[in-house]
N, C-alpha and C. Protein backbone atom coordinates (compact mmCIF):
# COMPACT_ATOMS: atom_id res chain seq x y z
N MET A 1 0.97 -0.98 0.38
CA MET A 1 0.12 -0.19 0.31
C MET A 1 1.09 1.18 0.10
N GLN A 2 1.85 1.18 0.80
CA GLN A 2 2.89 2.33 1.00
C GLN A 2 3.72 2.58 -0.37
N ASP A 3 4.14 1.50 -1.07
CA ASP A 3 5.05 1.73 -2.17
C ASP A 3 3.73 2.12 -3.39
N LEU A 4 2.16 1.55 -3.18
CA LEU A 4 1.46 2.55 -4.02
C LEU A 4 1.48 3.81 -4.35
N ALA A 5 1.20 4.23 -2.96
CA ALA A 5 1.12 5.62 -2.84
C ALA A 5 2.25 6.23 -3.26
N ALA A 6 3.30 5.77 -2.79
CA ALA A 6 4.38 6.51 -3.14
C ALA A 6 5.15 6.60 -4.56
N GLY A 7 4.37 5.68 -5.32
CA GLY A 7 4.31 5.73 -6.90
C GLY A 7 5.32 4.69 -7.11
N HIS A 8 5.59 3.92 -6.43
CA HIS A 8 6.94 2.69 -6.83
C HIS A 8 6.47 1.27 -7.52
N VAL A 9 4.50 1.26 -7.07
CA VAL A 9 4.27 0.31 -7.59
C VAL A 9 2.59 0.83 -8.37
N ASP A 10 3.02 0.31 -9.54
CA ASP A 10 1.73 0.68 -10.95
C ASP A 10 0.42 0.94 -10.41
N LEU A 11 0.04 -1.26 -10.03
CA LEU A 11 -1.36 -1.05 -9.76
C LEU A 11 -1.31 -2.23 -8.74
N MET A 12 -2.49 -2.17 -8.07
CA MET A 12 -3.00 -3.04 -6.67
C MET A 12 -4.22 -3.55 -6.81
N CYS A 13 -4.14 -5.03 -6.24
CA CYS A 13 -5.71 -5.24 -5.85
C CYS A 13 -5.91 -5.17 -4.56
N GLY A 14 -6.47 -4.68 -3.89
CA GLY A 14 -6.65 -4.29 -2.44
C GLY A 14 -7.59 -4.68 -1.56
N GLU A 15 -7.73 -5.11 -0.46
CA GLU A 15 -9.17 -4.74 0.08
C GLU A 15 -10.04 -3.28 0.03
N ALA A 16 -10.83 -3.10 -0.15
CA ALA A 16 -11.34 -1.79 -0.84
C ALA A 16 -11.43 -0.94 0.56
N SER A 17 -11.73 -1.75 1.60
CA SER A 17 -11.77 -0.46 3.08
C SER A 17 -10.17 0.05 3.17
N GLN A 18 -9.22 -0.32 2.94
CA GLN A 18 -7.81 -0.20 3.30
C GLN A 18 -7.49 0.96 2.13
N MET A 19 -8.05 1.07 0.80
CA MET A 19 -7.72 1.90 -0.03
C MET A 19 -8.77 3.30 -0.23
N LEU A 20 -9.56 3.37 0.53
CA LEU A 20 -11.19 4.29 0.87
C LEU A 20 -10.34 5.30 1.13
N SER A 21 -9.43 5.66 2.50
CA SER A 21 -8.64 7.30 2.45
C SER A 21 -8.28 7.85 1.78
N TYR A 22 -7.12 6.95 0.49
CA TYR A 22 -6.45 7.12 -0.25
C TYR A 22 -6.94 7.50 -1.81
N ILE A 23 -8.62 6.90 -1.92
CA ILE A 23 -8.79 7.08 -2.88
C ILE A 23 -9.53 8.34 -2.54
N ARG A 24 -10.32 8.91 -1.29
CA ARG A 24 -11.08 10.02 -1.20
C ARG A 24 -9.64 10.86 -1.19
N ALA A 25 -8.44 10.75 -1.14
CA ALA A 25 -7.83 11.55 -0.87
C ALA A 25 -7.12 12.10 -2.11
N GLY A 26 -7.45 11.83 -3.12
CA GLY A 26 -7.05 11.96 -4.51
C GLY A 26 -5.96 11.23 -4.73
N LYS A 27 -4.61 10.45 -3.77
CA LYS A 27 -3.91 10.04 -3.78
C LYS A 27 -3.74 8.77 -4.80
N MET A 28 -5.08 8.03 -4.79
CA MET A 28 -5.17 6.87 -5.63
C MET A 28 -6.30 7.22 -6.55
N LYS A 29 -6.29 6.58 -7.32
CA LYS A 29 -7.46 6.31 -8.66
C LYS A 29 -7.57 5.28 -8.34
N ALA A 30 -9.26 4.48 -8.51
CA ALA A 30 -9.84 3.03 -8.08
C ALA A 30 -10.29 3.15 -9.67
N TYR A 31 -10.45 1.92 -10.82
CA TYR A 31 -10.36 1.91 -12.02
C TYR A 31 -11.62 0.86 -11.51
N ALA A 32 -11.52 -0.23 -11.06
CA ALA A 32 -12.88 -0.62 -10.69
C ALA A 32 -13.23 -1.38 -9.77
N VAL A 33 -13.89 -2.08 -8.71
CA VAL A 33 -14.33 -2.44 -7.67
C VAL A 33 -14.58 -4.20 -8.07
N LEU A 34 -14.11 -5.18 -7.69
CA LEU A 34 -14.10 -7.07 -7.88
C LEU A 34 -15.36 -7.18 -7.28
N ALA A 35 -16.38 -6.63 -7.63
CA ALA A 35 -17.98 -7.25 -7.02
C ALA A 35 -18.42 -6.96 -8.20
N GLU A 36 -19.98 -7.51 -8.22
CA GLU A 36 -20.86 -7.50 -9.22
C GLU A 36 -22.20 -6.47 -8.78
N THR A 37 -21.51 -5.57 -7.79
CA THR A 37 -22.57 -4.31 -7.77
C THR A 37 -21.39 -3.44 -7.20
N ARG A 38 -22.30 -1.80 -7.53
CA ARG A 38 -21.06 -1.03 -7.06
C ARG A 38 -21.08 -0.72 -5.23
N TRP A 39 -19.43 -0.50 -5.03
CA TRP A 39 -19.35 -0.19 -3.75
C TRP A 39 -20.05 1.08 -2.85
N ALA A 40 -20.87 0.93 -2.06
CA ALA A 40 -21.46 1.91 -0.95
C ALA A 40 -20.64 2.99 -0.91
N GLY A 41 -18.95 2.69 -0.88
CA GLY A 41 -18.38 3.60 -0.22
C GLY A 41 -17.46 4.47 -0.80
N ALA A 42 -17.53 3.94 -2.17
CA ALA A 42 -17.67 4.69 -3.37
C ALA A 42 -17.96 4.18 -4.47
N PRO A 43 -19.36 4.93 -4.93
CA PRO A 43 -20.18 4.49 -5.56
C PRO A 43 -20.05 5.16 -7.00
N ASP A 44 -19.05 6.02 -7.21
CA ASP A 44 -18.77 6.51 -8.90
C ASP A 44 -17.76 5.45 -9.20
N VAL A 45 -17.11 4.46 -8.56
CA VAL A 45 -16.22 3.51 -8.82
C VAL A 45 -17.29 2.20 -10.25
N PRO A 46 -16.78 2.15 -11.00
CA PRO A 46 -17.40 0.82 -11.72
C PRO A 46 -17.16 -0.20 -11.05
N THR A 47 -17.90 -1.48 -11.32
CA THR A 47 -17.50 -2.82 -10.97
C THR A 47 -16.81 -2.72 -11.96
N ILE A 48 -16.24 -4.49 -12.09
CA ILE A 48 -14.84 -4.71 -12.91
C ILE A 48 -15.79 -5.18 -14.12
N ASP A 49 -17.25 -5.94 -13.87
CA ASP A 49 -18.13 -6.02 -15.03
C ASP A 49 -18.28 -4.78 -15.91
N GLU A 50 -18.39 -3.60 -15.07
CA GLU A 50 -18.73 -2.49 -16.03
C GLU A 50 -17.22 -1.63 -16.63
N ALA A 51 -16.11 -2.20 -16.12
CA ALA A 51 -14.89 -2.26 -16.85
C ALA A 51 -14.75 -2.56 -17.74
N GLY A 52 -15.38 -3.83 -17.73
CA GLY A 52 -15.01 -4.80 -18.95
C GLY A 52 -14.51 -6.15 -18.93
N VAL A 53 -14.14 -6.15 -17.94
CA VAL A 53 -13.74 -8.08 -17.36
C VAL A 53 -14.72 -8.37 -16.47
N SER A 54 -15.46 -9.63 -17.49
CA SER A 54 -16.84 -9.94 -16.59
C SER A 54 -16.38 -11.40 -15.91
N GLY A 55 -16.84 -11.00 -14.42
CA GLY A 55 -16.76 -12.13 -13.55
C GLY A 55 -15.61 -12.47 -12.75
N LEU A 56 -14.50 -11.40 -12.89
CA LEU A 56 -13.49 -11.34 -11.90
C LEU A 56 -14.24 -10.71 -10.62
N HIS A 57 -14.79 -11.51 -9.72
CA HIS A 57 -15.52 -10.98 -8.27
C HIS A 57 -14.70 -11.57 -7.22
N ILE A 58 -14.03 -10.80 -6.22
CA ILE A 58 -13.40 -11.40 -5.38
C ILE A 58 -13.97 -10.52 -4.24
N SER A 59 -14.53 -11.10 -3.37
CA SER A 59 -15.19 -10.69 -2.15
C SER A 59 -13.94 -11.11 -0.70
N PHE A 60 -14.48 -9.73 0.02
CA PHE A 60 -13.33 -9.59 1.56
C PHE A 60 -14.96 -9.60 1.94
N TRP A 61 -14.35 -10.59 2.96
CA TRP A 61 -15.34 -10.48 4.28
C TRP A 61 -14.80 -10.76 5.49
N HIS A 62 -15.57 -10.99 6.40
CA HIS A 62 -14.75 -10.91 7.64
C HIS A 62 -16.06 -11.84 8.68
N GLY A 63 -15.30 -12.68 9.18
CA GLY A 63 -16.04 -13.57 10.12
C GLY A 63 -15.88 -13.79 11.66
N LEU A 64 -16.41 -14.65 12.61
CA LEU A 64 -15.97 -14.87 14.37
C LEU A 64 -16.22 -16.33 13.93
N TRP A 65 -14.92 -16.73 14.43
CA TRP A 65 -15.02 -18.31 14.74
C TRP A 65 -14.69 -18.16 16.23
N VAL A 66 -15.06 -19.92 16.70
CA VAL A 66 -15.34 -20.36 18.01
C VAL A 66 -14.59 -21.66 18.30
N PRO A 67 -13.91 -22.00 19.17
CA PRO A 67 -13.15 -23.09 19.32
C PRO A 67 -14.48 -24.78 18.96
N LYS A 68 -14.17 -25.77 18.24
CA LYS A 68 -14.54 -26.37 17.84
C LYS A 68 -15.19 -26.67 19.39
N GLY A 69 -16.37 -27.37 19.66
CA GLY A 69 -16.96 -27.94 20.65
C GLY A 69 -17.64 -27.03 21.54
N THR A 70 -17.61 -25.86 21.15
CA THR A 70 -18.14 -24.62 22.16
C THR A 70 -19.50 -24.42 22.05
N PRO A 71 -20.18 -24.89 22.81
CA PRO A 71 -21.81 -25.22 23.33
C PRO A 71 -22.82 -23.99 22.61
N GLN A 72 -23.69 -24.66 21.92
CA GLN A 72 -24.40 -23.71 21.22
C GLN A 72 -25.19 -22.93 21.87
N ASP A 73 -25.15 -22.49 22.82
CA ASP A 73 -26.01 -21.66 23.65
C ASP A 73 -25.11 -20.46 24.26
N ILE A 74 -23.52 -20.50 23.81
CA ILE A 74 -22.88 -19.82 24.38
C ILE A 74 -22.79 -19.28 22.41
N ILE A 75 -22.38 -20.20 21.68
CA ILE A 75 -22.46 -19.42 20.16
C ILE A 75 -23.80 -18.44 19.92
N GLY A 76 -24.53 -19.00 20.17
CA GLY A 76 -26.39 -18.03 20.02
C GLY A 76 -25.59 -16.82 20.72
N LYS A 77 -25.46 -16.72 22.07
CA LYS A 77 -25.30 -15.12 22.71
C LYS A 77 -24.07 -14.64 22.16
N ILE A 78 -23.10 -15.39 21.58
CA ILE A 78 -22.30 -14.38 21.34
C ILE A 78 -23.04 -14.04 19.42
N ASN A 79 -23.39 -14.71 19.44
CA ASN A 79 -24.31 -14.13 17.73
C ASN A 79 -24.93 -13.05 17.79
N ALA A 80 -25.83 -13.33 18.59
CA ALA A 80 -26.65 -11.90 19.14
C ALA A 80 -26.25 -10.73 19.47
N ALA A 81 -25.06 -11.20 20.34
CA ALA A 81 -24.70 -9.64 20.99
C ALA A 81 -23.61 -9.32 19.55
N VAL A 82 -23.07 -9.81 18.57
CA VAL A 82 -22.34 -9.31 17.53
C VAL A 82 -23.39 -8.39 16.98
N ALA A 83 -24.94 -9.42 16.50
CA ALA A 83 -25.81 -8.87 15.64
C ALA A 83 -26.01 -7.74 15.79
N ASP A 84 -26.71 -7.74 17.24
CA ASP A 84 -27.36 -6.53 17.80
C ASP A 84 -26.01 -5.00 17.94
N THR A 85 -25.10 -5.25 18.14
CA THR A 85 -23.87 -4.02 17.85
C THR A 85 -23.74 -3.98 16.58
N LEU A 86 -23.72 -4.60 15.31
CA LEU A 86 -23.84 -4.37 13.66
C LEU A 86 -25.11 -3.72 13.72
N ALA A 87 -26.20 -3.72 14.45
CA ALA A 87 -27.31 -3.17 14.51
C ALA A 87 -27.15 -1.57 14.67
N ASP A 88 -26.70 -1.45 15.68
CA ASP A 88 -25.99 0.29 16.50
C ASP A 88 -26.05 0.79 14.94
N SER A 89 -26.86 2.38 15.40
CA SER A 89 -26.60 2.82 14.10
C SER A 89 -25.56 3.52 14.06
N VAL A 90 -24.56 3.92 15.58
CA VAL A 90 -23.52 4.62 15.43
C VAL A 90 -22.24 3.82 14.93
N VAL A 91 -22.30 2.28 14.85
CA VAL A 91 -21.76 1.42 14.73
C VAL A 91 -21.37 1.15 13.26
N ARG A 92 -23.08 1.64 12.46
CA ARG A 92 -23.27 1.17 11.33
C ARG A 92 -22.78 2.50 10.57
N LYS A 93 -23.17 3.38 11.04
CA LYS A 93 -22.14 4.75 10.77
C LYS A 93 -20.87 4.54 10.37
N ARG A 94 -19.80 3.86 11.57
CA ARG A 94 -18.54 4.11 11.30
C ARG A 94 -18.00 3.48 10.66
N PHE A 95 -18.71 2.24 10.33
CA PHE A 95 -18.90 0.80 9.17
C PHE A 95 -18.68 1.57 8.10
N ALA A 96 -19.98 2.30 7.68
CA ALA A 96 -19.70 2.79 6.44
C ALA A 96 -18.85 3.96 6.22
N GLU A 97 -18.41 4.49 7.37
CA GLU A 97 -17.17 5.89 6.96
C GLU A 97 -16.03 4.87 6.43
N LEU A 98 -16.03 3.63 6.79
CA LEU A 98 -14.54 2.61 6.67
C LEU A 98 -14.79 1.92 5.55
N GLY A 99 -16.26 2.28 4.72
CA GLY A 99 -16.44 1.41 3.49
C GLY A 99 -16.55 -0.02 3.53
N GLN A 100 -16.92 -0.09 4.88
CA GLN A 100 -17.21 -1.93 5.35
C GLN A 100 -18.84 -1.87 4.94
N ASP A 101 -19.39 -3.16 4.29
CA ASP A 101 -21.07 -3.06 4.34
C ASP A 101 -20.92 -4.57 5.29
N ILE A 102 -22.10 -3.91 6.04
CA ILE A 102 -22.75 -4.86 6.95
C ILE A 102 -23.73 -6.05 6.14
N PRO A 103 -23.54 -7.11 6.30
CA PRO A 103 -24.59 -7.72 5.34
C PRO A 103 -25.92 -7.67 6.07
N PRO A 104 -27.12 -7.92 5.94
CA PRO A 104 -28.40 -8.24 6.40
C PRO A 104 -28.46 -9.38 7.44
N ARG A 105 -29.40 -8.64 8.44
CA ARG A 105 -29.48 -9.85 9.64
C ARG A 105 -29.51 -10.71 9.92
N ASP A 106 -30.47 -11.58 8.38
CA ASP A 106 -30.41 -12.74 8.38
C ASP A 106 -29.11 -13.71 7.63
N GLN A 107 -27.91 -12.92 7.29
CA GLN A 107 -26.72 -13.41 6.60
C GLN A 107 -26.11 -13.07 7.74
N GLN A 108 -26.26 -12.72 9.17
CA GLN A 108 -25.32 -13.00 10.08
C GLN A 108 -25.64 -13.85 11.14
N THR A 109 -25.79 -14.88 10.73
CA THR A 109 -25.96 -16.46 11.97
C THR A 109 -24.70 -17.41 11.52
N PRO A 110 -24.96 -18.18 12.22
CA PRO A 110 -23.39 -19.25 12.35
C PRO A 110 -23.53 -19.98 10.76
N GLU A 111 -24.84 -20.53 10.61
CA GLU A 111 -25.33 -21.43 9.66
C GLU A 111 -24.86 -20.37 8.21
N ALA A 112 -25.39 -19.03 8.12
CA ALA A 112 -25.01 -18.43 6.58
C ALA A 112 -23.79 -17.97 6.59
N LEU A 113 -22.67 -17.34 7.73
CA LEU A 113 -21.33 -18.15 7.03
C LEU A 113 -20.68 -19.21 7.21
N ARG A 114 -20.68 -20.39 7.48
CA ARG A 114 -20.60 -21.44 7.16
C ARG A 114 -20.99 -21.47 5.75
N ALA A 115 -22.18 -21.56 5.23
CA ALA A 115 -22.70 -21.58 3.71
C ALA A 115 -21.76 -20.79 3.07
N TYR A 116 -21.60 -19.39 3.29
CA TYR A 116 -20.81 -18.83 2.91
C TYR A 116 -19.17 -19.36 2.52
N HIS A 117 -18.36 -19.72 3.72
CA HIS A 117 -17.12 -20.03 3.65
C HIS A 117 -17.71 -21.35 2.55
N LYS A 118 -18.19 -22.22 2.99
CA LYS A 118 -18.01 -23.19 1.87
C LYS A 118 -17.97 -23.07 0.61
N SER A 119 -18.74 -21.76 -0.08
CA SER A 119 -19.31 -21.45 -1.22
C SER A 119 -17.80 -21.15 -1.73
N GLU A 120 -17.06 -20.15 -0.54
CA GLU A 120 -15.97 -19.32 -1.32
C GLU A 120 -14.90 -20.81 -1.28
N VAL A 121 -14.74 -21.84 -0.41
CA VAL A 121 -13.82 -22.91 -0.56
C VAL A 121 -14.13 -23.46 -2.07
N GLU A 122 -15.39 -23.76 -2.03
CA GLU A 122 -15.74 -24.29 -3.80
C GLU A 122 -15.01 -23.47 -4.87
N LYS A 123 -15.35 -22.23 -4.64
CA LYS A 123 -15.15 -21.35 -5.61
C LYS A 123 -13.71 -21.31 -6.22
N TRP A 124 -12.81 -21.02 -4.41
CA TRP A 124 -11.35 -20.57 -5.10
C TRP A 124 -10.56 -22.37 -4.89
N TRP A 125 -10.83 -23.21 -4.46
CA TRP A 125 -9.99 -24.12 -4.22
C TRP A 125 -9.83 -24.73 -5.39
N PRO A 126 -10.39 -25.24 -6.85
CA PRO A 126 -9.90 -25.69 -7.70
C PRO A 126 -8.79 -24.82 -8.46
N ILE A 127 -8.75 -23.46 -8.48
CA ILE A 127 -8.20 -22.34 -9.05
C ILE A 127 -6.73 -22.38 -8.16
N ILE A 128 -6.97 -22.46 -6.64
CA ILE A 128 -5.51 -22.75 -5.98
C ILE A 128 -4.46 -23.91 -6.56
N ARG A 129 -5.59 -25.31 -6.84
CA ARG A 129 -5.10 -26.28 -6.60
C ARG A 129 -4.38 -26.36 -8.21
N ALA A 130 -4.99 -25.68 -9.30
CA ALA A 130 -4.77 -25.53 -10.56
C ALA A 130 -3.66 -24.79 -11.15
N ALA A 131 -3.58 -24.07 -10.03
CA ALA A 131 -2.08 -23.10 -10.26
C ALA A 131 -0.85 -23.46 -9.18
N ASN A 132 -1.13 -24.47 -8.94
CA ASN A 132 0.00 -25.04 -7.97
C ASN A 132 0.68 -24.11 -6.67
N ILE A 133 -0.52 -23.73 -6.33
CA ILE A 133 -0.46 -22.17 -5.08
C ILE A 133 -0.19 -23.45 -3.63
N LYS A 134 0.85 -23.43 -3.32
CA LYS A 134 1.25 -24.17 -2.14
C LYS A 134 1.82 -22.98 -0.82
N LEU A 135 1.85 -23.08 0.56
CA LEU A 135 1.96 -22.65 1.41
C LEU A 135 3.17 -22.64 1.85
N ASN A 136 4.05 -22.07 2.28
CA ASN A 136 5.70 -22.38 3.12
C ASN A 136 5.61 -22.09 3.83
């Protein structure tokens, strides 16, 4: 990020909320967001599809995990506390300022996270395998 801002790197694909302050300050130009829809944090930036590269959709998301075996009632309490916090208007405003999208409440469940995580693994694992990407 620092090398891009300093002009040492010409192009970067980064997590949007990390780049938002640079974009808003005019220190970087956003060519597209790698999403199917425009980003609320920078609504004037086109989607990658609108920019002429169809289907290159990469999402950045956040989740909260607990150790295996955590009792369901504890998971429910944690989930309720997080969902209530994300519903707070002050929290929502701050997330919006940071360019972070908050999913709808029905998507803020352990089941929804599990399904989304599974779909991401199913999408990216064949690409990782085909590219022979390995951890060092």
